[in-house]
């Protein structure tokens, strides 16, 4: 046993003596290193920790946006025109994604994309975030969650629903995937509807999971609701009848405007072609255009009542004053103006009833250009409507100092001036409101509004009688008559302008009127653009839409019928001059 023992002293290395200074140096070096680490730790943790705190936040701290619920858009009766519903969105972290082929194929199916499309999105493994699909149905998202694929997540978002669809599209508009208004009310009132998003400060781990909340959570402020003047039932019915008229007449497009004659509220504003705000793939400018506000045209014979009303106001004529219109034409500074049919002597009432260009021109030429210009301006022609819509146009009404005699003559029956259908509808409130033109509004009003006096109440009532004659037997718009309600209005048919001239066989037919005629509640204007099915006069293509819209609207408003007889439509209807 003793022979196996190790004699340490027999090793020269172990037997040698180590200098004391070396041991002290090693111990001192270890102590200095330890003190250095302690100092560095104190510096990093206490003295100069701002930089490292920022770096930590950059890597792990996140500010999560808490989306505000977008405000609803309601009609005058509280019916929904636009609202937001939860619509989760799915995203992925390609660097962390679980590459299970079976699960990824099922994920692609649920995302409604091919496996190749999904693979393309997840191809860059250095990315930490990529959208897979935005605003999905919640049941589908729950199926995706059930797959339990590492690196695939969902986030709560909202999408807009539009219950009235294409019928109210040009009023309500739509939002994009980021919930930002793009058209219509959604765009105009973006700030009020959007509200203010909140925020929440959190710490996330490397997989994007929230592990801790830090700081104060700022709750979101939901957007405010908007209540419009529009009646969704009137809007739907007007759009439906307009669409039928455009299709039946093989027309290019059409528009209809319904105004409350007493308050100036827009009850309906529809255009066709339209679009579905929920499905906006391959939309064209033709579908998006709010034609009633953005398209201008020469209003034709719908201008005649204003020239005649001014002649009454100036005391130049009375409703029974006879005017010689034979031989059916008149020459002004070398240019000849004609009627569709020669009529001979007509009273002022009959000038409107028969839509005589010659009779209207004879009255207009007794007035000064400035007087006509002031009349047209007061009822809104040449003025931009005070509506919060993008693209609203002012039309064209040239300064009266530049008018030549022939231009003054043609403006009296609607040529040489341009306006939108909405402007024409609003201008007719001067007759419906006993001589006052009322400001139009898209928001629900409370009670009657203050109008601007343009003509006397007596002359406004006289004009309503003439407009009733125009829509009655012997007039140009017998098809405007409505079951149970008295109506009055004026047709218009105008050649379409192309460049500096007029298209040979392209027309716009329109009709604007009011009902009931003794105490009008509504003004309705209809325009049919380029009818090509054999008829193009406003009395044929636009007046029937007016009739149907008036009947339905007054019934919905609870207005009692004022007539117990059926409309009297005779076969030998008078064609309007244009």
Protein backbone atom coordinates (compact mmCIF):
# COMPACT_ATOMS: atom_id res chain seq x y z
CA UNK A 1 0.00 0.00 0.00
CA UNK A 2 2.84 2.35 0.89
CA UNK A 3 4.61 1.46 -2.33
CA UNK A 4 1.60 2.80 -4.36
CA UNK A 5 1.44 6.16 -2.56
CA UNK A 6 2.34 9.19 -4.54
CA UNK A 7 5.22 11.17 -3.33
CA UNK A 8 4.37 14.76 -4.30
CA UNK A 9 7.79 15.93 -3.42
CA UNK A 10 9.22 13.67 -6.03
CA UNK A 11 7.71 15.92 -8.81
CA UNK A 12 10.07 18.74 -9.70
CA UNK A 13 7.19 20.95 -10.87
CA UNK A 14 5.20 20.52 -7.70
CA UNK A 15 8.24 20.78 -5.54
CA UNK A 16 9.22 24.18 -6.97
CA UNK A 17 8.20 27.23 -4.99
CA UNK A 18 5.71 29.73 -6.64
CA UNK A 19 6.54 33.39 -6.07
CA UNK A 20 4.12 35.13 -3.71
CA UNK A 21 3.70 38.14 -6.03
CA UNK A 22 2.24 35.90 -8.74
CA UNK A 23 -0.51 34.62 -6.50
CA UNK A 24 -1.29 38.13 -5.38
CA UNK A 25 -1.39 39.34 -8.98
CA UNK A 26 -3.89 36.63 -9.99
CA UNK A 27 -6.15 37.38 -7.04
CA UNK A 28 -5.94 41.12 -7.74
CA UNK A 29 -6.75 40.60 -11.44
CA UNK A 30 -9.83 38.52 -10.54
CA UNK A 31 -10.92 41.17 -8.04
CA UNK A 32 -10.44 43.97 -10.57
CA UNK A 33 -12.43 42.05 -13.18
CA UNK A 34 -15.23 41.49 -10.73
CA UNK A 35 -15.21 45.18 -9.76
CA UNK A 36 -15.28 46.10 -13.47
CA UNK A 37 -18.31 43.91 -14.04
CA UNK A 38 -20.04 45.37 -11.00
CA UNK A 39 -19.25 48.89 -12.24
CA UNK A 40 -20.45 48.10 -15.74
CA UNK A 41 -23.62 46.57 -14.39
CA UNK A 42 -24.22 49.65 -12.25
CA UNK A 43 -23.56 51.90 -15.24
CA UNK A 44 -25.91 49.93 -17.49
CA UNK A 45 -28.63 49.38 -14.90
CA UNK A 46 -28.55 52.68 -13.00
CA UNK A 47 -26.38 55.47 -14.37
CA UNK A 48 -26.80 55.36 -18.18
CA UNK A 49 -29.70 53.02 -18.75
CA UNK A 50 -31.68 55.19 -21.25
CA UNK A 51 -30.08 53.69 -24.34
CA UNK A 52 -30.62 50.12 -23.18
CA UNK A 53 -34.19 50.80 -22.12
CA UNK A 54 -34.88 52.17 -25.60
CA UNK A 55 -33.30 49.13 -27.21
CA UNK A 56 -35.41 46.85 -25.05
CA UNK A 57 -38.53 48.70 -25.97
CA UNK A 58 -37.67 48.56 -29.66
CA UNK A 59 -37.33 44.80 -29.46
CA UNK A 60 -40.16 43.87 -27.12
CA UNK A 61 -42.40 46.84 -26.29
CA UNK A 62 -45.25 47.66 -28.64
CA UNK A 63 -48.06 50.22 -28.73
CA UNK A 64 -51.19 48.45 -29.84
CA UNK A 65 -53.85 50.57 -31.51
CA UNK A 66 -57.34 50.06 -30.15
CA UNK A 67 -59.65 50.77 -33.10
CA UNK A 68 -62.68 52.98 -32.56
CA UNK A 69 -66.02 51.72 -33.74
CA UNK A 70 -67.03 53.81 -36.77
CA UNK A 71 -70.28 55.73 -36.38
CA UNK A 72 -73.46 54.55 -38.05
CA UNK A 73 -75.21 56.30 -40.92
CA UNK A 74 -78.98 56.37 -40.41
CA UNK A 75 -81.90 57.49 -42.54
CA UNK A 76 -84.49 59.98 -41.27
CA UNK A 77 -86.46 57.17 -39.59
CA UNK A 78 -83.47 55.57 -37.87
CA UNK A 79 -83.00 52.80 -40.43
CA UNK A 80 -79.42 51.71 -41.01
CA UNK A 81 -77.68 52.91 -44.16
CA UNK A 82 -74.16 51.98 -42.99
CA UNK A 83 -72.80 50.24 -39.90
CA UNK A 84 -69.65 48.48 -38.71
CA UNK A 85 -69.39 44.84 -37.68
CA UNK A 86 -66.40 42.91 -36.28
CA UNK A 87 -64.26 41.43 -39.04
CA UNK A 88 -61.00 39.82 -37.86
CA UNK A 89 -57.95 39.94 -40.10
CA UNK A 90 -55.36 37.17 -40.33
CA UNK A 91 -51.59 37.75 -40.43
CA UNK A 92 -48.46 35.66 -40.17
CA UNK A 93 -44.80 35.82 -39.20
CA UNK A 94 -42.98 34.00 -42.03
CA UNK A 95 -39.81 33.50 -39.94
CA UNK A 96 -41.80 31.61 -37.30
CA UNK A 97 -44.39 29.86 -39.48
CA UNK A 98 -44.97 26.15 -39.00
CA UNK A 99 -44.39 24.57 -42.41
CA UNK A 100 -46.82 21.68 -42.11
CA UNK A 101 -48.02 20.99 -45.72
CA UNK A 102 -51.39 19.58 -44.63
CA UNK A 103 -52.17 22.49 -42.34
CA UNK A 104 -51.01 25.05 -44.90
CA UNK A 105 -53.24 23.56 -47.60
CA UNK A 106 -56.23 23.79 -45.27
CA UNK A 107 -55.21 27.37 -44.34
CA UNK A 108 -55.08 28.34 -48.02
CA UNK A 109 -58.58 26.94 -48.53
CA UNK A 110 -59.98 28.93 -45.63
CA UNK A 111 -58.25 32.06 -46.92
CA UNK A 112 -59.80 31.46 -50.35
CA UNK A 113 -56.45 31.37 -52.12
CA UNK A 114 -54.37 28.70 -53.82
CA UNK A 115 -51.50 26.98 -51.98
CA UNK A 116 -49.13 28.69 -54.42
CA UNK A 117 -50.48 32.13 -53.48
CA UNK A 118 -50.09 31.38 -49.78
CA UNK A 119 -46.58 30.05 -50.32
CA UNK A 120 -45.67 33.28 -52.14
CA UNK A 121 -46.83 35.37 -49.17
CA UNK A 122 -44.81 33.23 -46.73
CA UNK A 123 -41.74 32.86 -48.95
CA UNK A 124 -39.57 35.55 -47.35
CA UNK A 125 -38.57 33.94 -44.05
CA UNK A 126 -36.84 37.10 -42.85
CA UNK A 127 -40.15 38.94 -42.56
CA UNK A 128 -41.88 39.13 -39.20
CA UNK A 129 -45.26 40.36 -40.47
CA UNK A 130 -47.41 39.82 -43.55
CA UNK A 131 -51.17 40.16 -44.06
CA UNK A 132 -52.82 36.96 -45.21
CA UNK A 133 -56.38 38.24 -45.50
CA UNK A 134 -58.20 41.30 -44.21
CA UNK A 135 -61.69 41.55 -42.75
CA UNK A 136 -62.86 37.95 -42.74
CA UNK A 137 -66.00 36.35 -41.35
CA UNK A 138 -65.60 35.35 -37.70
CA UNK A 139 -66.65 31.69 -38.17
CA UNK A 140 -63.89 31.24 -40.76
CA UNK A 141 -61.32 32.83 -38.47
CA UNK A 142 -62.32 30.43 -35.71
CA UNK A 143 -61.61 27.51 -38.08
CA UNK A 144 -58.17 29.01 -38.76
CA UNK A 145 -57.55 29.30 -35.02
CA UNK A 146 -58.51 25.64 -34.62
CA UNK A 147 -55.68 24.65 -37.00
CA UNK A 148 -53.27 25.93 -34.32
CA UNK A 149 -50.55 26.83 -36.82
CA UNK A 150 -47.52 28.37 -35.15
CA UNK A 151 -46.82 31.83 -36.59
CA UNK A 152 -50.39 32.53 -37.76
CA UNK A 153 -52.38 35.13 -35.81
CA UNK A 154 -55.53 37.20 -36.08
CA UNK A 155 -56.35 40.75 -35.07
CA UNK A 156 -59.71 42.41 -34.42
CA UNK A 157 -60.87 44.85 -37.10
CA UNK A 158 -64.18 46.19 -38.41
CA UNK A 159 -65.82 46.29 -41.83
CA UNK A 160 -68.78 48.30 -43.10
CA UNK A 161 -72.13 46.88 -44.09
CA UNK A 162 -74.52 48.75 -46.39
CA UNK A 163 -78.05 47.31 -46.05
CA UNK A 164 -79.50 49.44 -48.89
CA UNK A 165 -76.82 48.29 -51.33
CA UNK A 166 -76.68 49.92 -54.75
CA UNK A 167 -79.90 51.90 -54.18
CA UNK A 168 -78.19 54.33 -51.77
CA UNK A 169 -74.59 53.88 -52.92
CA UNK A 170 -74.14 57.38 -54.35
CA UNK A 171 -75.32 58.99 -51.11
CA UNK A 172 -73.63 56.80 -48.52
CA UNK A 173 -70.44 55.96 -50.44
CA UNK A 174 -67.99 53.44 -48.97
CA UNK A 175 -64.76 53.00 -46.99
CA UNK A 176 -61.54 51.19 -47.89
CA UNK A 177 -60.02 48.27 -46.01
CA UNK A 178 -58.39 50.73 -43.60
CA UNK A 179 -61.89 52.07 -42.73
CA UNK A 180 -61.19 55.42 -44.39
CA UNK A 181 -64.08 57.05 -46.29
CA UNK A 182 -63.64 57.04 -50.07
CA UNK A 183 -66.95 58.29 -51.50
CA UNK A 184 -70.20 59.98 -50.46
CA UNK A 185 -71.11 60.60 -46.82
CA UNK A 186 -68.38 58.18 -45.71
CA UNK A 187 -65.79 60.52 -47.24
CA UNK A 188 -67.38 63.88 -46.44
CA UNK A 189 -67.95 63.08 -42.76
CA UNK A 190 -64.83 60.94 -42.28
CA UNK A 191 -63.65 62.82 -39.19
CA UNK A 192 -66.98 62.63 -37.37
CA UNK A 193 -67.66 59.00 -38.28
CA UNK A 194 -64.16 57.66 -37.64
CA UNK A 195 -63.88 58.69 -33.99
CA UNK A 196 -60.49 58.50 -32.27
CA UNK A 197 -58.54 55.25 -31.82
CA UNK A 198 -57.15 54.36 -28.40
CA UNK A 199 -53.83 52.73 -27.51
CA UNK A 200 -52.36 50.13 -25.20
CA UNK A 201 -48.66 49.73 -24.32
CA UNK A 202 -47.55 46.07 -24.00
CA UNK A 203 -44.50 43.85 -23.85
CA UNK A 204 -44.38 41.06 -26.43
CA UNK A 205 -42.20 37.97 -26.60
CA UNK A 206 -40.27 36.95 -29.71
CA UNK A 207 -43.34 35.18 -31.12
CA UNK A 208 -45.47 38.31 -30.91
CA UNK A 209 -47.49 37.19 -27.92
CA UNK A 210 -48.47 39.79 -25.33
CA UNK A 211 -46.90 38.87 -21.99
CA UNK A 212 -47.45 42.07 -20.01
CA UNK A 213 -49.30 45.40 -20.18
CA UNK A 214 -47.30 48.47 -19.26
CA UNK A 215 -48.36 52.07 -18.84
CA UNK A 216 -51.85 53.50 -19.13
CA UNK A 217 -54.45 52.20 -21.58
CA UNK A 218 -56.18 54.97 -23.55
CA UNK A 219 -59.66 53.80 -24.51
CA UNK A 220 -60.94 54.55 -28.04
CA UNK A 221 -63.62 57.18 -28.70
CA UNK A 222 -66.25 55.74 -31.02
CA UNK A 223 -67.38 57.80 -34.01
CA UNK A 224 -70.64 59.73 -33.91
CA UNK A 225 -73.78 58.55 -35.67
CA UNK A 226 -75.16 60.61 -38.55
CA UNK A 227 -78.85 60.90 -39.31
CA UNK A 228 -79.54 61.92 -42.88
CA UNK A 229 -82.65 63.47 -44.38
CA UNK A 230 -82.95 60.51 -46.76
CA UNK A 231 -85.89 58.14 -46.44
CA UNK A 232 -84.54 54.68 -47.26
CA UNK A 233 -87.91 53.45 -48.52
CA UNK A 234 -88.34 56.42 -50.86
CA UNK A 235 -84.72 56.02 -51.95
CA UNK A 236 -85.17 52.34 -52.79
CA UNK A 237 -88.42 52.84 -54.68
CA UNK A 238 -87.08 55.83 -56.68
CA UNK A 239 -83.96 53.87 -57.61
CA UNK A 240 -85.99 50.83 -58.62
CA UNK A 241 -88.28 52.83 -60.94
CA UNK A 242 -85.33 54.75 -62.38
CA UNK A 243 -83.48 51.54 -63.17
CA UNK A 244 -86.55 50.11 -64.89
CA UNK A 245 -86.91 53.25 -67.02
CA UNK A 246 -83.25 53.23 -68.06
CA UNK A 247 -83.45 49.55 -69.04
CA UNK A 248 -86.83 49.83 -70.80
CA UNK A 249 -85.74 52.87 -72.83
CA UNK A 250 -82.30 51.36 -73.54
CA UNK A 251 -80.77 54.52 -72.13
CA UNK A 252 -77.21 55.22 -71.11
CA UNK A 253 -77.99 56.40 -67.59
CA UNK A 254 -80.51 58.22 -65.41
CA UNK A 255 -80.98 60.18 -62.19
CA UNK A 256 -83.81 61.09 -59.83
CA UNK A 257 -83.99 63.66 -57.01
CA UNK A 258 -86.77 63.90 -54.42
CA UNK A 259 -86.89 67.01 -52.20
CA UNK A 260 -89.16 67.92 -49.33
CA UNK A 261 -90.64 71.16 -50.68
CA UNK A 262 -91.16 72.63 -47.21
CA UNK A 263 -87.83 71.84 -45.52
CA UNK A 264 -85.43 71.42 -48.45
CA UNK A 265 -84.49 67.95 -47.17
CA UNK A 266 -83.21 65.44 -49.72
CA UNK A 267 -85.54 62.45 -49.39
CA UNK A 268 -83.92 60.52 -52.24
CA UNK A 269 -81.07 60.96 -54.68
CA UNK A 270 -80.45 58.02 -56.97
CA UNK A 271 -78.43 57.28 -60.09
CA UNK A 272 -78.20 54.39 -62.49
CA UNK A 273 -75.78 52.72 -63.27
CA UNK A 274 -74.85 52.21 -59.64
CA UNK A 275 -72.67 49.80 -57.66
CA UNK A 276 -72.74 47.71 -54.51
CA UNK A 277 -70.64 49.35 -51.76
CA UNK A 278 -69.86 45.89 -50.35
CA UNK A 279 -68.46 44.58 -53.66
CA UNK A 280 -66.17 47.09 -55.33
CA UNK A 281 -64.16 44.88 -57.69
CA UNK A 282 -63.69 46.35 -61.19
CA UNK A 283 -65.65 49.53 -60.49
CA UNK A 284 -65.79 52.06 -63.33
CA UNK A 285 -66.22 55.82 -63.34
CA UNK A 286 -69.62 55.35 -64.95
CA UNK A 287 -70.81 53.52 -61.84
CA UNK A 288 -69.21 55.84 -59.29
CA UNK A 289 -70.44 59.14 -60.75
CA UNK A 290 -73.11 60.86 -58.70
CA UNK A 291 -74.71 62.18 -61.88
CA UNK A 292 -77.47 64.17 -60.19
CA UNK A 293 -74.78 66.42 -58.69
CA UNK A 294 -71.80 66.15 -61.03
CA UNK A 295 -73.29 66.06 -64.54
CA UNK A 296 -74.58 69.24 -66.17
CA UNK A 297 -76.88 69.64 -69.14
CA UNK A 298 -78.93 72.30 -70.85
CA UNK A 299 -82.24 72.15 -68.97
CA UNK A 300 -84.37 72.89 -72.03
CA UNK A 301 -88.05 73.61 -71.52
CA UNK A 302 -87.83 73.24 -67.73
CA UNK A 303 -86.50 76.85 -67.80
CA UNK A 304 -89.63 78.30 -69.38
CA UNK A 305 -91.58 78.67 -66.10
CA UNK A 306 -88.86 80.94 -64.71
CA UNK A 307 -89.00 83.30 -67.68
CA UNK A 308 -92.79 83.38 -67.52
CA UNK A 309 -92.77 83.87 -63.71
CA UNK A 310 -90.47 86.86 -64.15
CA UNK A 311 -92.77 88.34 -66.80
CA UNK A 312 -95.68 87.98 -64.34
CA UNK A 313 -93.60 89.53 -61.56
CA UNK A 314 -92.67 92.51 -63.73
CA UNK A 315 -96.31 93.05 -64.65
CA UNK A 316 -95.66 92.50 -68.35
CA UNK A 317 -98.34 89.82 -68.67
CA UNK A 318 -101.09 88.05 -66.75
CA UNK A 319 -102.00 84.35 -66.95
CA UNK A 320 -104.81 85.14 -69.43
CA UNK A 321 -102.81 87.52 -71.60
CA UNK A 322 -102.98 86.35 -75.27
CA UNK A 323 -99.72 85.92 -77.19
CA UNK A 324 -99.58 85.41 -80.93
CA UNK A 325 -97.24 82.47 -81.65
CA UNK A 326 -98.18 82.03 -85.35
CA UNK A 327 -96.69 81.01 -87.69
CA UNK A 328 -94.79 78.91 -85.13
CA UNK A 329 -91.43 80.60 -85.55
CA UNK A 330 -89.65 83.83 -84.67
CA UNK A 331 -86.38 85.31 -85.94
CA UNK A 332 -83.93 87.00 -83.58
CA UNK A 333 -80.90 88.76 -85.16
CA UNK A 334 -80.90 86.39 -88.10
CA UNK A 335 -81.54 83.16 -86.16
CA UNK A 336 -84.93 81.43 -86.31
CA UNK A 337 -86.59 79.81 -83.29
CA UNK A 338 -89.47 77.41 -83.94
CA UNK A 339 -92.17 75.47 -82.11
CA UNK A 340 -92.71 71.76 -82.59
CA UNK A 341 -96.21 72.63 -83.86
CA UNK A 342 -97.70 76.06 -84.76
CA UNK A 343 -100.42 77.04 -82.29
CA UNK A 344 -101.59 80.53 -83.20
CA UNK A 345 -102.80 82.67 -80.32
CA UNK A 346 -102.04 81.21 -76.88
CA UNK A 347 -102.63 82.60 -73.42
CA UNK A 348 -99.67 82.71 -71.05
CA UNK A 349 -101.18 79.65 -69.32
CA UNK A 350 -101.22 77.81 -72.65
CA UNK A 351 -97.66 78.84 -73.49
CA UNK A 352 -96.51 76.67 -70.56
CA UNK A 353 -99.12 73.98 -71.24
CA UNK A 354 -98.08 73.61 -74.89
CA UNK A 355 -94.41 74.37 -74.17
CA UNK A 356 -94.19 77.07 -76.83
CA UNK A 357 -90.70 78.40 -77.55
CA UNK A 358 -92.08 81.32 -79.53
CA UNK A 359 -94.45 82.44 -76.79
CA UNK A 360 -91.72 82.20 -74.14
CA UNK A 361 -89.22 84.14 -76.27
CA UNK A 362 -91.73 86.94 -76.91
CA UNK A 363 -92.11 87.44 -73.18
CA UNK A 364 -88.40 87.13 -72.45
CA UNK A 365 -87.40 89.75 -75.03
CA UNK A 366 -89.51 92.35 -73.21
CA UNK A 367 -87.15 92.11 -70.23
CA UNK A 368 -83.59 93.25 -69.61
CA UNK A 369 -80.85 90.61 -69.59
CA UNK A 370 -79.89 91.69 -66.05
CA UNK A 371 -83.43 90.93 -64.80
CA UNK A 372 -83.37 87.41 -66.22
CA UNK A 373 -79.86 86.81 -64.91
CA UNK A 374 -80.86 87.90 -61.40
CA UNK A 375 -83.91 85.63 -61.47
CA UNK A 376 -81.88 82.62 -62.59
CA UNK A 377 -79.17 83.34 -60.00
CA UNK A 378 -81.64 83.70 -57.14
CA UNK A 379 -83.08 80.24 -57.73
CA UNK A 380 -79.59 78.71 -57.80
CA UNK A 381 -78.49 78.48 -61.43
CA UNK A 382 -74.78 79.17 -61.85
CA UNK A 383 -74.33 78.75 -58.07
CA UNK A 384 -72.61 75.79 -56.44
CA UNK A 385 -75.11 73.89 -54.25
CA UNK A 386 -74.21 74.03 -50.57
CA UNK A 387 -73.99 70.28 -50.20
CA UNK A 388 -71.01 68.48 -48.62
CA UNK A 389 -70.41 66.21 -51.59
CA UNK A 390 -67.19 65.93 -53.61
CA UNK A 391 -67.56 66.96 -57.25
CA UNK A 392 -70.69 69.11 -56.84
CA UNK A 393 -70.84 71.45 -59.85
CA UNK A 394 -72.16 74.98 -60.24
CA UNK A 395 -73.20 74.68 -63.89
CA UNK A 396 -72.84 77.62 -66.28
CA UNK A 397 -74.66 80.94 -66.30
CA UNK A 398 -72.66 83.56 -68.14
CA UNK A 399 -72.67 87.22 -66.96
CA UNK A 400 -75.62 89.09 -68.45
CA UNK A 401 -73.37 91.81 -69.91
CA UNK A 402 -72.07 89.29 -72.47
CA UNK A 403 -75.51 88.10 -73.63
CA UNK A 404 -76.42 88.71 -77.25
CA UNK A 405 -80.14 89.00 -78.12
CA UNK A 406 -80.26 85.48 -79.53
CA UNK A 407 -78.61 84.13 -76.37
CA UNK A 408 -81.15 85.88 -74.15
CA UNK A 409 -83.88 84.32 -76.29
CA UNK A 410 -82.51 80.77 -76.13
CA UNK A 411 -81.79 80.96 -72.40
CA UNK A 412 -85.48 81.60 -71.79
CA UNK A 413 -86.21 78.05 -72.97
CA UNK A 414 -83.12 76.40 -71.55
CA UNK A 415 -80.32 76.60 -74.14
CA UNK A 416 -77.04 78.42 -73.52
CA UNK A 417 -77.25 77.63 -69.81
CA UNK A 418 -76.27 74.43 -68.00
CA UNK A 419 -77.23 72.95 -64.66
CA UNK A 420 -77.28 69.69 -62.72
CA UNK A 421 -80.51 67.81 -62.10
CA UNK A 422 -80.24 68.69 -58.43
CA UNK A 423 -80.07 72.41 -59.25
CA UNK A 424 -83.20 72.12 -61.38
CA UNK A 425 -85.06 70.31 -58.59
CA UNK A 426 -84.10 72.89 -55.97
CA UNK A 427 -85.00 75.79 -58.30
CA UNK A 428 -88.57 74.46 -58.53
CA UNK A 429 -89.05 74.87 -54.78
CA UNK A 430 -89.68 78.54 -55.61
CA UNK A 431 -93.04 77.48 -57.07
CA UNK A 432 -93.77 74.83 -54.43
CA UNK A 433 -92.98 77.18 -51.50
CA UNK A 434 -95.18 80.06 -52.70
CA UNK A 435 -92.35 82.13 -54.14
CA UNK A 436 -89.51 81.19 -51.78
CA UNK A 437 -86.53 79.07 -52.76
CA UNK A 438 -85.34 76.92 -49.85
CA UNK A 439 -81.78 75.79 -49.04
CA UNK A 440 -81.30 72.07 -49.59
CA UNK A 441 -79.88 69.81 -46.90
CA UNK A 442 -78.74 66.21 -46.59
CA UNK A 443 -79.15 66.18 -42.80
CA UNK A 444 -82.47 65.68 -41.09
CA UNK A 445 -84.10 69.05 -40.35
CA UNK A 446 -86.40 69.97 -37.49
CA UNK A 447 -89.45 71.74 -38.82
CA UNK A 448 -89.78 74.25 -41.63
CA UNK A 449 -86.75 76.25 -42.76
CA UNK A 450 -86.43 79.87 -43.80
CA UNK A 451 -86.54 80.42 -47.57
CA UNK A 452 -85.50 83.35 -49.75
CA UNK A 453 -88.29 85.30 -51.42
CA UNK A 454 -87.96 85.46 -55.23
CA UNK A 455 -91.49 86.00 -56.54
CA UNK A 456 -94.82 86.79 -54.92
CA UNK A 457 -97.04 84.09 -53.46
CA UNK A 458 -99.77 85.02 -55.94
CA UNK A 459 -97.50 84.53 -58.95
CA UNK A 460 -96.12 81.27 -57.56
CA UNK A 461 -99.67 79.91 -57.30
CA UNK A 462 -100.40 81.08 -60.86
CA UNK A 463 -97.31 79.19 -62.05
CA UNK A 464 -98.44 76.04 -60.25
CA UNK A 465 -101.72 76.21 -62.14
CA UNK A 466 -99.81 76.44 -65.44
CA UNK A 467 -97.61 73.49 -64.43
CA UNK A 468 -100.73 71.50 -63.58
CA UNK A 469 -102.08 72.23 -67.06
CA UNK A 470 -98.77 71.03 -68.57
CA UNK A 471 -99.22 67.70 -66.80
CA UNK A 472 -102.92 67.45 -67.68
CA UNK A 473 -104.99 66.83 -70.82
CA UNK A 474 -103.56 68.79 -73.73
CA UNK A 475 -100.19 69.19 -72.01
CA UNK A 476 -96.78 67.74 -72.77
CA UNK A 477 -96.53 65.53 -69.68
CA UNK A 478 -99.80 63.68 -69.28
CA UNK A 479 -97.88 60.57 -68.18
CA UNK A 480 -96.81 62.49 -65.08
CA UNK A 481 -100.35 62.29 -63.67
CA UNK A 482 -100.58 60.29 -60.47
CA UNK A 483 -103.39 58.17 -59.08
CA UNK A 484 -105.04 60.06 -56.22
CA UNK A 485 -102.80 63.13 -56.24
CA UNK A 486 -102.82 66.32 -58.28
CA UNK A 487 -99.47 67.11 -59.87
CA UNK A 488 -97.83 69.83 -61.89
CA UNK A 489 -94.53 70.06 -63.65
CA UNK A 490 -92.58 70.68 -66.81
CA UNK A 491 -90.99 68.43 -69.36
CA UNK A 492 -87.68 69.03 -71.02
CA UNK A 493 -85.91 67.45 -73.97
CA UNK A 494 -82.49 68.64 -75.04
CA UNK A 495 -79.94 67.65 -77.64
CA UNK A 496 -76.74 66.41 -76.05
CA UNK A 497 -73.70 68.56 -76.54
CA UNK A 498 -70.58 66.97 -77.99
CA UNK A 499 -67.59 69.25 -78.25
CA UNK A 500 -68.73 72.61 -79.60
CA UNK A 501 -71.89 71.30 -81.24
CA UNK A 502 -74.83 68.99 -80.66
CA UNK A 503 -75.06 65.26 -81.22
CA UNK A 504 -77.45 64.47 -84.06
CA UNK A 505 -79.70 61.87 -82.42
CA UNK A 506 -78.63 61.95 -78.80
CA UNK A 507 -81.03 63.45 -76.29
CA UNK A 508 -81.71 63.86 -72.62
CA UNK A 509 -85.31 63.69 -71.52
CA UNK A 510 -86.30 65.09 -68.14
CA UNK A 511 -89.25 66.10 -66.05
CA UNK A 512 -89.48 68.16 -62.86
CA UNK A 513 -92.64 68.74 -60.90
CA UNK A 514 -94.42 68.81 -57.55
CA UNK A 515 -97.42 67.37 -55.70
CA UNK A 516 -100.05 67.85 -54.40
CA UNK A 517 -100.42 70.94 -56.52
CA UNK A 518 -102.42 73.14 -54.09
CA UNK A 519 -100.00 72.63 -51.19
CA UNK A 520 -96.90 70.85 -52.54
CA UNK A 521 -95.04 68.54 -50.16
CA UNK A 522 -92.41 67.23 -52.57
CA UNK A 523 -90.48 68.22 -55.67
CA UNK A 524 -89.29 65.38 -57.92
CA UNK A 525 -86.88 65.69 -60.85
CA UNK A 526 -86.06 62.85 -63.26
CA UNK A 527 -83.50 62.69 -66.07
CA UNK A 528 -83.02 59.89 -68.61
CA UNK A 529 -79.78 60.12 -70.59
CA UNK A 530 -79.68 58.95 -74.23
CA UNK A 531 -82.87 56.88 -74.52
CA UNK A 532 -82.62 54.80 -77.72
CA UNK A 533 -85.77 52.68 -77.75
CA UNK A 534 -87.79 54.91 -80.07
CA UNK A 535 -88.86 57.51 -77.47
CA UNK A 536 -86.82 60.39 -76.14
CA UNK A 537 -89.24 63.18 -75.12
CA UNK A 538 -89.20 63.92 -71.40
CA UNK A 539 -92.95 63.41 -71.26
CA UNK A 540 -92.48 59.83 -72.45
CA UNK A 541 -89.32 58.63 -70.71
CA UNK A 542 -89.04 60.71 -67.50
CA UNK A 543 -92.64 61.62 -66.59
CA UNK A 544 -93.69 57.99 -65.79
CA UNK A 545 -90.85 57.71 -63.24
CA UNK A 546 -92.05 60.97 -61.69
CA UNK A 547 -95.61 59.64 -61.46
CA UNK A 548 -94.66 56.40 -59.75
CA UNK A 549 -92.20 58.08 -57.37
CA UNK A 550 -94.70 60.76 -56.35
CA UNK A 551 -97.42 58.27 -55.56
CA UNK A 552 -95.19 56.07 -53.41
CA UNK A 553 -93.48 58.98 -51.63
CA UNK A 554 -96.66 60.81 -50.67
CA UNK A 555 -98.21 57.58 -49.45
CA UNK A 556 -95.16 56.90 -47.25
CA UNK A 557 -95.30 60.47 -45.93
CA UNK A 558 -98.94 59.99 -44.96
CA UNK A 559 -100.24 62.70 -47.30
CA UNK A 560 -103.95 62.25 -47.94
CA UNK A 561 -104.98 61.94 -51.63
CA UNK A 562 -106.59 65.11 -53.00
CA UNK A 563 -108.11 63.57 -56.12
CA UNK A 564 -110.77 60.89 -56.44
CA UNK A 565 -110.42 60.42 -60.18
CA UNK A 566 -108.01 58.48 -62.32
CA UNK A 567 -105.40 60.27 -64.41
CA UNK A 568 -106.76 61.52 -67.72
CA UNK A 569 -104.30 60.59 -70.43
CA UNK A 570 -105.33 61.22 -74.01
CA UNK A 571 -103.63 59.81 -77.06
CA UNK A 572 -102.95 63.12 -78.79
CA UNK A 573 -100.42 64.38 -76.27
CA UNK A 574 -98.58 67.54 -77.24
CA UNK A 575 -94.90 67.21 -78.06
CA UNK A 576 -92.67 69.77 -76.46
CA UNK A 577 -90.55 72.21 -78.38
CA UNK A 578 -86.81 72.04 -77.84
